[in-house]
Amino acid sequence: MINNLLGGFLSRAEHTSKYTFGKMVVCGDEPELQIQGMWLMRGPNEVPDGLTKEHSQFEYYIPTKLDPRNNKEHDKIVREYLNASVGSTVEGLTVRTMRWQK
């Protein structure tokens, strides 16, 4: 069921693929699974309107701006997400499934 939520989220975000690139993961242990992700966005350091205004599920996600150039902890998080594979850990949680958004 959680993979269906992830798939629905990504399909509704397809129209932003011109401006975004990222990876979404389902992580944790059952029954406490979570959907998390890391996206790179082109443009003026803002989340595109296509996500904030037009995406019906985006309100359930908490966006956090990262600065991997100047913050080593943020750099570590970005690298964890981009290198994530099934069975690895992201932010201390085990990755169960993952999908690219491109």
PDB file of N, CA and C in Angstrom:
ATOM      1  N   MET A   1       0.823  -1.187   0.000  1.00  0.00           N
ATOM      2  CA  MET A   1       0.000   0.000   0.000  1.00  0.00           C
ATOM      3  C   MET A   1       0.875   1.263   0.000  1.00  0.00           C
ATOM      4  N   ILE A   2       1.950   1.242   0.785  1.00  0.00           N
ATOM      5  CA  ILE A   2       2.797   2.436   0.853  1.00  0.00           C
ATOM      6  C   ILE A   2       3.516   2.681  -0.474  1.00  0.00           C
ATOM      7  N   ASN A   3       3.830   1.600  -1.204  1.00  0.00           N
ATOM      8  CA  ASN A   3       4.436   1.772  -2.526  1.00  0.00           C
ATOM      9  C   ASN A   3       3.455   2.409  -3.503  1.00  0.00           C
ATOM     10  N   ASN A   4       2.168   2.120  -3.354  1.00  0.00           N
ATOM     11  CA  ASN A   4       1.149   2.769  -4.181  1.00  0.00           C
ATOM     12  C   ASN A   4       1.077   4.267  -3.884  1.00  0.00           C
ATOM     13  N   LEU A   5       1.200   4.636  -2.606  1.00  0.00           N
ATOM     14  CA  LEU A   5       1.219   6.062  -2.239  1.00  0.00           C
ATOM     15  C   LEU A   5       2.417   6.761  -2.873  1.00  0.00           C
ATOM     16  N   LEU A   6       3.565   6.095  -2.823  1.00  0.00           N
ATOM     17  CA  LEU A   6       4.767   6.660  -3.418  1.00  0.00           C
ATOM     18  C   LEU A   6       4.616   6.800  -4.930  1.00  0.00           C
ATOM     19  N   GLY A   7       4.103   5.772  -5.580  1.00  0.00           N
ATOM     20  CA  GLY A   7       3.889   5.817  -7.024  1.00  0.00           C
ATOM     21  C   GLY A   7       2.912   6.905  -7.424  1.00  0.00           C
ATOM     22  N   GLY A   8       1.841   7.064  -6.669  1.00  0.00           N
ATOM     23  CA  GLY A   8       0.862   8.116  -6.941  1.00  0.00           C
ATOM     24  C   GLY A   8       1.465   9.495  -6.770  1.00  0.00           C
ATOM     25  N   PHE A   9       2.270   9.672  -5.732  1.00  0.00           N
ATOM     26  CA  PHE A   9       2.930  10.954  -5.509  1.00  0.00           C
ATOM     27  C   PHE A   9       3.832  11.308  -6.686  1.00  0.00           C
ATOM     28  N   LEU A  10       4.636  10.336  -7.132  1.00  0.00           N
ATOM     29  CA  LEU A  10       5.571  10.595  -8.225  1.00  0.00           C
ATOM     30  C   LEU A  10       4.853  10.821  -9.550  1.00  0.00           C
ATOM     31  N   SER A  11       3.771  10.095  -9.792  1.00  0.00           N
ATOM     32  CA  SER A  11       3.049  10.302 -11.052  1.00  0.00           C
ATOM     33  C   SER A  11       2.389  11.680 -11.084  1.00  0.00           C
ATOM     34  N   ARG A  12       1.936  12.181  -9.941  1.00  0.00           N
ATOM     35  CA  ARG A  12       1.336  13.517  -9.893  1.00  0.00           C
ATOM     36  C   ARG A  12       2.394  14.619  -9.989  1.00  0.00           C
ATOM     37  N   ALA A  13       3.658  14.254  -9.742  1.00  0.00           N
ATOM     38  CA  ALA A  13       4.750  15.232  -9.803  1.00  0.00           C
ATOM     39  C   ALA A  13       5.478  15.199 -11.138  1.00  0.00           C
ATOM     40  N   GLU A  14       5.038  14.355 -12.063  1.00  0.00           N
ATOM     41  CA  GLU A  14       5.712  14.210 -13.352  1.00  0.00           C
ATOM     42  C   GLU A  14       5.837  15.519 -14.111  1.00  0.00           C
ATOM     43  N   HIS A  15       4.849  16.377 -14.017  1.00  0.00           N
ATOM     44  CA  HIS A  15       4.874  17.631 -14.761  1.00  0.00           C
ATOM     45  C   HIS A  15       5.977  18.575 -14.287  1.00  0.00           C
ATOM     46  N   THR A  16       6.634  18.285 -13.166  1.00  0.00           N
ATOM     47  CA  THR A  16       7.730  19.129 -12.687  1.00  0.00           C
ATOM     48  C   THR A  16       9.099  18.565 -13.057  1.00  0.00           C
ATOM     49  N   SER A  17       9.135  17.483 -13.825  1.00  0.00           N
ATOM     50  CA  SER A  17      10.411  16.824 -14.118  1.00  0.00           C
ATOM     51  C   SER A  17      11.372  17.725 -14.904  1.00  0.00           C
ATOM     52  N   LYS A  18      10.873  18.735 -15.535  1.00  0.00           N
ATOM     53  CA  LYS A  18      11.732  19.681 -16.250  1.00  0.00           C
ATOM     54  C   LYS A  18      12.583  20.493 -15.264  1.00  0.00           C
ATOM     55  N   TYR A  19      12.107  20.619 -14.026  1.00  0.00           N
ATOM     56  CA  TYR A  19      12.765  21.459 -13.032  1.00  0.00           C
ATOM     57  C   TYR A  19      13.312  20.682 -11.828  1.00  0.00           C
ATOM     58  N   THR A  20      13.018  19.385 -11.737  1.00  0.00           N
ATOM     59  CA  THR A  20      13.388  18.634 -10.536  1.00  0.00           C
ATOM     60  C   THR A  20      14.048  17.300 -10.883  1.00  0.00           C
ATOM     61  N   PHE A  21      14.791  16.787  -9.912  1.00  0.00           N
ATOM     62  CA  PHE A  21      15.431  15.483 -10.007  1.00  0.00           C
ATOM     63  C   PHE A  21      15.637  15.007  -8.579  1.00  0.00           C
ATOM     64  N   GLY A  22      15.368  13.751  -8.300  1.00  0.00           N
ATOM     65  CA  GLY A  22      15.567  13.287  -6.941  1.00  0.00           C
ATOM     66  C   GLY A  22      15.305  11.812  -6.760  1.00  0.00           C
ATOM     67  N   LYS A  23      15.317  11.412  -5.508  1.00  0.00           N
ATOM     68  CA  LYS A  23      15.097  10.021  -5.151  1.00  0.00           C
ATOM     69  C   LYS A  23      14.147   9.971  -3.961  1.00  0.00           C
ATOM     70  N   MET A  24      13.174   9.090  -4.060  1.00  0.00           N
ATOM     71  CA  MET A  24      12.227   8.864  -2.971  1.00  0.00           C
ATOM     72  C   MET A  24      12.444   7.451  -2.463  1.00  0.00           C
ATOM     73  N   VAL A  25      12.345   7.264  -1.147  1.00  0.00           N
ATOM     74  CA  VAL A  25      12.540   5.947  -0.548  1.00  0.00           C
ATOM     75  C   VAL A  25      11.422   5.643   0.439  1.00  0.00           C
ATOM     76  N   VAL A  26      11.116   4.365   0.553  1.00  0.00           N
ATOM     77  CA  VAL A  26      10.271   3.867   1.632  1.00  0.00           C
ATOM     78  C   VAL A  26      11.245   3.256   2.618  1.00  0.00           C
ATOM     79  N   CYS A  27      11.246   3.743   3.850  1.00  0.00           N
ATOM     80  CA  CYS A  27      12.227   3.259   4.808  1.00  0.00           C
ATOM     81  C   CYS A  27      11.581   3.017   6.168  1.00  0.00           C
ATOM     82  N   GLY A  28      12.325   2.308   7.018  1.00  0.00           N
ATOM     83  CA  GLY A  28      11.850   1.970   8.342  1.00  0.00           C
ATOM     84  C   GLY A  28      11.518   0.494   8.434  1.00  0.00           C
ATOM     85  N   ASP A  29      10.862   0.126   9.498  1.00  0.00           N
ATOM     86  CA  ASP A  29      10.440  -1.249   9.726  1.00  0.00           C
ATOM     87  C   ASP A  29       8.938  -1.284   9.893  1.00  0.00           C
ATOM     88  N   GLU A  30       8.319  -2.340   9.372  1.00  0.00           N
ATOM     89  CA  GLU A  30       6.864  -2.458   9.507  1.00  0.00           C
ATOM     90  C   GLU A  30       6.502  -2.565  10.973  1.00  0.00           C
ATOM     91  N   PRO A  31       5.452  -1.951  11.428  1.00  0.00           N
ATOM     92  CA  PRO A  31       4.436  -1.191  10.713  1.00  0.00           C
ATOM     93  C   PRO A  31       4.751   0.297  10.628  1.00  0.00           C
ATOM     94  N   GLU A  32       5.956   0.702  10.981  1.00  0.00           N
ATOM     95  CA  GLU A  32       6.345   2.117  11.015  1.00  0.00           C
ATOM     96  C   GLU A  32       7.130   2.514   9.762  1.00  0.00           C
ATOM     97  N   LEU A  33       6.562   2.328   8.577  1.00  0.00           N
ATOM     98  CA  LEU A  33       7.230   2.713   7.335  1.00  0.00           C
ATOM     99  C   LEU A  33       6.995   4.189   7.047  1.00  0.00           C
ATOM    100  N   GLN A  34       7.980   4.813   6.403  1.00  0.00           N
ATOM    101  CA  GLN A  34       7.888   6.224   6.061  1.00  0.00           C
ATOM    102  C   GLN A  34       8.291   6.425   4.603  1.00  0.00           C
ATOM    103  N   ILE A  35       7.735   7.438   3.996  1.00  0.00           N
ATOM    104  CA  ILE A  35       8.170   7.857   2.667  1.00  0.00           C
ATOM    105  C   ILE A  35       8.987   9.123   2.860  1.00  0.00           C
ATOM    106  N   GLN A  36      10.231   9.089   2.370  1.00  0.00           N
ATOM    107  CA  GLN A  36      11.104  10.250   2.465  1.00  0.00           C
ATOM    108  C   GLN A  36      11.792  10.441   1.127  1.00  0.00           C
ATOM    109  N   GLY A  37      12.343  11.594   0.907  1.00  0.00           N
ATOM    110  CA  GLY A  37      13.030  11.816  -0.353  1.00  0.00           C
ATOM    111  C   GLY A  37      13.928  13.031  -0.317  1.00  0.00           C
ATOM    112  N   MET A  38      14.736  13.129  -1.357  1.00  0.00           N
ATOM    113  CA  MET A  38      15.632  14.253  -1.534  1.00  0.00           C
ATOM    114  C   MET A  38      15.544  14.651  -2.997  1.00  0.00           C
ATOM    115  N   TRP A  39      15.171  15.896  -3.250  1.00  0.00           N
ATOM    116  CA  TRP A  39      15.021  16.396  -4.620  1.00  0.00           C
ATOM    117  C   TRP A  39      15.960  17.572  -4.838  1.00  0.00           C
ATOM    118  N   LEU A  40      16.510  17.640  -6.025  1.00  0.00           N
ATOM    119  CA  LEU A  40      17.267  18.804  -6.469  1.00  0.00           C
ATOM    120  C   LEU A  40      16.340  19.603  -7.371  1.00  0.00           C
ATOM    121  N   MET A  41      16.302  20.910  -7.175  1.00  0.00           N
ATOM    122  CA  MET A  41      15.376  21.741  -7.938  1.00  0.00           C
ATOM    123  C   MET A  41      16.114  22.862  -8.643  1.00  0.00           C
ATOM    124  N   ARG A  42      15.816  23.017  -9.898  1.00  0.00           N
ATOM    125  CA  ARG A  42      16.407  24.085 -10.697  1.00  0.00           C
ATOM    126  C   ARG A  42      15.625  25.364 -10.452  1.00  0.00           C
ATOM    127  N   GLY A  43      16.337  26.452 -10.399  1.00  0.00           N
ATOM    128  CA  GLY A  43      15.629  27.709 -10.278  1.00  0.00           C
ATOM    129  C   GLY A  43      15.955  28.481  -9.028  1.00  0.00           C
ATOM    130  N   PRO A  44      15.061  29.365  -8.652  1.00  0.00           N
ATOM    131  CA  PRO A  44      15.326  30.360  -7.605  1.00  0.00           C
ATOM    132  C   PRO A  44      15.167  29.837  -6.169  1.00  0.00           C
ATOM    133  N   ASN A  45      15.776  28.723  -5.867  1.00  0.00           N
ATOM    134  CA  ASN A  45      15.796  28.195  -4.495  1.00  0.00           C
ATOM    135  C   ASN A  45      14.421  28.052  -3.853  1.00  0.00           C
ATOM    136  N   GLU A  46      13.431  27.796  -4.640  1.00  0.00           N
ATOM    137  CA  GLU A  46      12.067  27.634  -4.137  1.00  0.00           C
ATOM    138  C   GLU A  46      11.509  26.313  -4.655  1.00  0.00           C
ATOM    139  N   VAL A  47      10.554  25.763  -3.937  1.00  0.00           N
ATOM    140  CA  VAL A  47       9.840  24.586  -4.423  1.00  0.00           C
ATOM    141  C   VAL A  47       8.940  25.053  -5.562  1.00  0.00           C
ATOM    142  N   PRO A  48       8.983  24.371  -6.724  1.00  0.00           N
ATOM    143  CA  PRO A  48       8.166  24.825  -7.867  1.00  0.00           C
ATOM    144  C   PRO A  48       6.675  24.862  -7.538  1.00  0.00           C
ATOM    145  N   ASP A  49       5.977  25.836  -8.124  1.00  0.00           N
ATOM    146  CA  ASP A  49       4.530  25.958  -7.914  1.00  0.00           C
ATOM    147  C   ASP A  49       3.800  24.686  -8.330  1.00  0.00           C
ATOM    148  N   GLY A  50       4.358  23.942  -9.275  1.00  0.00           N
ATOM    149  CA  GLY A  50       3.733  22.699  -9.708  1.00  0.00           C
ATOM    150  C   GLY A  50       3.603  21.692  -8.590  1.00  0.00           C
ATOM    151  N   LEU A  51       4.439  21.814  -7.574  1.00  0.00           N
ATOM    152  CA  LEU A  51       4.319  20.929  -6.411  1.00  0.00           C
ATOM    153  C   LEU A  51       3.495  21.573  -5.310  1.00  0.00           C
ATOM    154  N   THR A  52       3.797  22.806  -4.982  1.00  0.00           N
ATOM    155  CA  THR A  52       3.138  23.426  -3.830  1.00  0.00           C
ATOM    156  C   THR A  52       1.669  23.734  -4.071  1.00  0.00           C
ATOM    157  N   LYS A  53       1.305  24.112  -5.296  1.00  0.00           N
ATOM    158  CA  LYS A  53      -0.076  24.521  -5.550  1.00  0.00           C
ATOM    159  C   LYS A  53      -0.895  23.481  -6.301  1.00  0.00           C
ATOM    160  N   GLU A  54      -0.254  22.709  -7.181  1.00  0.00           N
ATOM    161  CA  GLU A  54      -0.997  21.818  -8.057  1.00  0.00           C
ATOM    162  C   GLU A  54      -0.975  20.353  -7.619  1.00  0.00           C
ATOM    163  N   HIS A  55      -0.115  19.989  -6.674  1.00  0.00           N
ATOM    164  CA  HIS A  55       0.015  18.591  -6.262  1.00  0.00           C
ATOM    165  C   HIS A  55      -0.835  18.345  -5.021  1.00  0.00           C
ATOM    166  N   SER A  56      -1.800  17.439  -5.138  1.00  0.00           N
ATOM    167  CA  SER A  56      -2.775  17.241  -4.055  1.00  0.00           C
ATOM    168  C   SER A  56      -2.182  16.592  -2.809  1.00  0.00           C
ATOM    169  N   GLN A  57      -1.055  15.883  -2.907  1.00  0.00           N
ATOM    170  CA  GLN A  57      -0.474  15.211  -1.743  1.00  0.00           C
ATOM    171  C   GLN A  57       0.688  15.975  -1.127  1.00  0.00           C
ATOM    172  N   PHE A  58       1.170  17.019  -1.770  1.00  0.00           N
ATOM    173  CA  PHE A  58       2.377  17.700  -1.301  1.00  0.00           C
ATOM    174  C   PHE A  58       2.207  18.292   0.093  1.00  0.00           C
ATOM    175  N   GLU A  59       1.009  18.649   0.466  1.00  0.00           N
ATOM    176  CA  GLU A  59       0.786  19.253   1.782  1.00  0.00           C
ATOM    177  C   GLU A  59       1.129  18.300   2.928  1.00  0.00           C
ATOM    178  N   TYR A  60       1.220  16.998   2.658  1.00  0.00           N
ATOM    179  CA  TYR A  60       1.531  16.017   3.688  1.00  0.00           C
ATOM    180  C   TYR A  60       3.035  15.809   3.864  1.00  0.00           C
ATOM    181  N   TYR A  61       3.843  16.459   3.044  1.00  0.00           N
ATOM    182  CA  TYR A  61       5.292  16.353   3.127  1.00  0.00           C
ATOM    183  C   TYR A  61       5.857  17.638   3.713  1.00  0.00           C
ATOM    184  N   ILE A  62       6.975  17.507   4.408  1.00  0.00           N
ATOM    185  CA  ILE A  62       7.605  18.655   5.043  1.00  0.00           C
ATOM    186  C   ILE A  62       8.906  18.966   4.301  1.00  0.00           C
ATOM    187  N   PRO A  63       8.910  20.001   3.456  1.00  0.00           N
ATOM    188  CA  PRO A  63      10.140  20.324   2.725  1.00  0.00           C
ATOM    189  C   PRO A  63      11.159  21.021   3.633  1.00  0.00           C
ATOM    190  N   THR A  64      12.411  20.663   3.472  1.00  0.00           N
ATOM    191  CA  THR A  64      13.504  21.271   4.211  1.00  0.00           C
ATOM    192  C   THR A  64      14.598  21.642   3.220  1.00  0.00           C
ATOM    193  N   LYS A  65      15.007  22.868   3.215  1.00  0.00           N
ATOM    194  CA  LYS A  65      16.061  23.315   2.306  1.00  0.00           C
ATOM    195  C   LYS A  65      17.415  22.894   2.879  1.00  0.00           C
ATOM    196  N   LEU A  66      18.220  22.231   2.049  1.00  0.00           N
ATOM    197  CA  LEU A  66      19.543  21.782   2.465  1.00  0.00           C
ATOM    198  C   LEU A  66      20.616  22.618   1.780  1.00  0.00           C
ATOM    199  N   ASP A  67      21.743  22.772   2.434  1.00  0.00           N
ATOM    200  CA  ASP A  67      22.880  23.510   1.878  1.00  0.00           C
ATOM    201  C   ASP A  67      24.122  22.623   1.963  1.00  0.00           C
ATOM    202  N   PRO A  68      24.274  21.673   1.002  1.00  0.00           N
ATOM    203  CA  PRO A  68      25.382  20.729   1.095  1.00  0.00           C
ATOM    204  C   PRO A  68      26.763  21.356   0.885  1.00  0.00           C
ATOM    205  N   ARG A  69      26.824  22.517   0.285  1.00  0.00           N
ATOM    206  CA  ARG A  69      28.126  23.173   0.089  1.00  0.00           C
ATOM    207  C   ARG A  69      28.715  23.681   1.398  1.00  0.00           C
ATOM    208  N   ASN A  70      27.873  24.212   2.258  1.00  0.00           N
ATOM    209  CA  ASN A  70      28.359  24.862   3.479  1.00  0.00           C
ATOM    210  C   ASN A  70      28.076  24.090   4.757  1.00  0.00           C
ATOM    211  N   ASN A  71      27.308  23.017   4.685  1.00  0.00           N
ATOM    212  CA  ASN A  71      26.939  22.265   5.880  1.00  0.00           C
ATOM    213  C   ASN A  71      27.272  20.787   5.655  1.00  0.00           C
ATOM    214  N   LYS A  72      28.215  20.267   6.419  1.00  0.00           N
ATOM    215  CA  LYS A  72      28.663  18.877   6.232  1.00  0.00           C
ATOM    216  C   LYS A  72      27.553  17.871   6.539  1.00  0.00           C
ATOM    217  N   GLU A  73      26.689  18.181   7.468  1.00  0.00           N
ATOM    218  CA  GLU A  73      25.582  17.272   7.789  1.00  0.00           C
ATOM    219  C   GLU A  73      24.599  17.190   6.619  1.00  0.00           C
ATOM    220  N   HIS A  74      24.318  18.317   5.988  1.00  0.00           N
ATOM    221  CA  HIS A  74      23.449  18.326   4.810  1.00  0.00           C
ATOM    222  C   HIS A  74      24.095  17.566   3.663  1.00  0.00           C
ATOM    223  N   ASP A  75      25.405  17.724   3.492  1.00  0.00           N
ATOM    224  CA  ASP A  75      26.133  17.003   2.451  1.00  0.00           C
ATOM    225  C   ASP A  75      26.020  15.494   2.673  1.00  0.00           C
ATOM    226  N   LYS A  76      26.126  15.061   3.915  1.00  0.00           N
ATOM    227  CA  LYS A  76      26.007  13.644   4.247  1.00  0.00           C
ATOM    228  C   LYS A  76      24.611  13.118   3.887  1.00  0.00           C
ATOM    229  N   ILE A  77      23.573  13.899   4.183  1.00  0.00           N
ATOM    230  CA  ILE A  77      22.198  13.490   3.880  1.00  0.00           C
ATOM    231  C   ILE A  77      21.995  13.359   2.372  1.00  0.00           C
ATOM    232  N   VAL A  78      22.468  14.338   1.607  1.00  0.00           N
ATOM    233  CA  VAL A  78      22.325  14.292   0.142  1.00  0.00           C
ATOM    234  C   VAL A  78      23.024  13.055  -0.408  1.00  0.00           C
ATOM    235  N   ARG A  79      24.226  12.783   0.056  1.00  0.00           N
ATOM    236  CA  ARG A  79      24.970  11.608  -0.416  1.00  0.00           C
ATOM    237  C   ARG A  79      24.275  10.297  -0.026  1.00  0.00           C
ATOM    238  N   GLU A  80      23.698  10.239   1.173  1.00  0.00           N
ATOM    239  CA  GLU A  80      22.961   9.041   1.594  1.00  0.00           C
ATOM    240  C   GLU A  80      21.800   8.761   0.649  1.00  0.00           C
ATOM    241  N   TYR A  81      21.039   9.783   0.320  1.00  0.00           N
ATOM    242  CA  TYR A  81      19.890   9.589  -0.568  1.00  0.00           C
ATOM    243  C   TYR A  81      20.323   9.200  -1.975  1.00  0.00           C
ATOM    244  N   LEU A  82      21.312   9.891  -2.531  1.00  0.00           N
ATOM    245  CA  LEU A  82      21.723   9.597  -3.896  1.00  0.00           C
ATOM    246  C   LEU A  82      22.376   8.221  -4.020  1.00  0.00           C
ATOM    247  N   ASN A  83      23.001   7.730  -2.959  1.00  0.00           N
ATOM    248  CA  ASN A  83      23.633   6.405  -2.974  1.00  0.00           C
ATOM    249  C   ASN A  83      22.739   5.313  -2.410  1.00  0.00           C
ATOM    250  N   ALA A  84      21.526   5.643  -2.004  1.00  0.00           N
ATOM    251  CA  ALA A  84      20.643   4.674  -1.350  1.00  0.00           C
ATOM    252  C   ALA A  84      20.281   3.519  -2.283  1.00  0.00           C
ATOM    253  N   SER A  85      20.263   2.342  -1.703  1.00  0.00           N
ATOM    254  CA  SER A  85      19.784   1.156  -2.400  1.00  0.00           C
ATOM    255  C   SER A  85      19.011   0.328  -1.376  1.00  0.00           C
ATOM    256  N   VAL A  86      18.257  -0.638  -1.851  1.00  0.00           N
ATOM    257  CA  VAL A  86      17.454  -1.464  -0.947  1.00  0.00           C
ATOM    258  C   VAL A  86      18.391  -2.158   0.033  1.00  0.00           C
ATOM    259  N   GLY A  87      18.108  -2.009   1.323  1.00  0.00           N
ATOM    260  CA  GLY A  87      18.922  -2.602   2.372  1.00  0.00           C
ATOM    261  C   GLY A  87      19.910  -1.636   3.009  1.00  0.00           C
ATOM    262  N   SER A  88      20.212  -0.522   2.342  1.00  0.00           N
ATOM    263  CA  SER A  88      21.113   0.470   2.933  1.00  0.00           C
ATOM    264  C   SER A  88      20.325   1.322   3.927  1.00  0.00           C
ATOM    265  N   THR A  89      20.993   2.261   4.563  1.00  0.00           N
ATOM    266  CA  THR A  89      20.313   3.132   5.522  1.00  0.00           C
ATOM    267  C   THR A  89      20.340   4.576   5.052  1.00  0.00           C
ATOM    268  N   VAL A  90      19.264   5.280   5.337  1.00  0.00           N
ATOM    269  CA  VAL A  90      19.136   6.708   5.064  1.00  0.00           C
ATOM    270  C   VAL A  90      18.612   7.347   6.337  1.00  0.00           C
ATOM    271  N   GLU A  91      19.372   8.285   6.859  1.00  0.00           N
ATOM    272  CA  GLU A  91      19.014   8.973   8.100  1.00  0.00           C
ATOM    273  C   GLU A  91      18.683   7.980   9.207  1.00  0.00           C
ATOM    274  N   GLY A  92      19.443   6.890   9.264  1.00  0.00           N
ATOM    275  CA  GLY A  92      19.293   5.892  10.317  1.00  0.00           C
ATOM    276  C   GLY A  92      18.188   4.870  10.104  1.00  0.00           C
ATOM    277  N   LEU A  93      17.459   4.939   8.993  1.00  0.00           N
ATOM    278  CA  LEU A  93      16.375   4.006   8.704  1.00  0.00           C
ATOM    279  C   LEU A  93      16.747   3.111   7.525  1.00  0.00           C
ATOM    280  N   THR A  94      16.331   1.859   7.565  1.00  0.00           N
ATOM    281  CA  THR A  94      16.629   0.911   6.498  1.00  0.00           C
ATOM    282  C   THR A  94      15.732   1.167   5.294  1.00  0.00           C
ATOM    283  N   VAL A  95      16.335   1.230   4.109  1.00  0.00           N
ATOM    284  CA  VAL A  95      15.595   1.471   2.867  1.00  0.00           C
ATOM    285  C   VAL A  95      14.929   0.166   2.430  1.00  0.00           C
ATOM    286  N   ARG A  96      13.623   0.203   2.227  1.00  0.00           N
ATOM    287  CA  ARG A  96      12.858  -0.966   1.781  1.00  0.00           C
ATOM    288  C   ARG A  96      12.648  -0.947   0.272  1.00  0.00           C
ATOM    289  N   THR A  97      12.260   0.189  -0.268  1.00  0.00           N
ATOM    290  CA  THR A  97      12.147   0.371  -1.717  1.00  0.00           C
ATOM    291  C   THR A  97      12.578   1.789  -2.047  1.00  0.00           C
ATOM    292  N   MET A  98      12.908   2.029  -3.306  1.00  0.00           N
ATOM    293  CA  MET A  98      13.314   3.359  -3.731  1.00  0.00           C
ATOM    294  C   MET A  98      12.897   3.589  -5.164  1.00  0.00           C
ATOM    295  N   ARG A  99      12.712   4.856  -5.496  1.00  0.00           N
ATOM    296  CA  ARG A  99      12.359   5.234  -6.876  1.00  0.00           C
ATOM    297  C   ARG A  99      12.966   6.580  -7.190  1.00  0.00           C
ATOM    298  N   TRP A 100      13.459   6.692  -8.399  1.00  0.00           N
ATOM    299  CA  TRP A 100      13.994   7.953  -8.888  1.00  0.00           C
ATOM    300  C   TRP A 100      12.866   8.828  -9.420  1.00  0.00           C
ATOM    301  N   GLN A 101      13.017  10.109  -9.273  1.00  0.00           N
ATOM    302  CA  GLN A 101      12.111  11.080  -9.879  1.00  0.00           C
ATOM    303  C   GLN A 101      12.968  11.862 -10.855  1.00  0.00           C
ATOM    304  N   LYS A 102      12.724  11.638 -12.152  1.00  0.00           N
ATOM    305  CA  LYS A 102      13.529  12.332 -13.161  1.00  0.00           C
ATOM    306  C   LYS A 102      12.706  12.694 -14.356  1.00  0.00           C
TER     307      LYS A 102
END
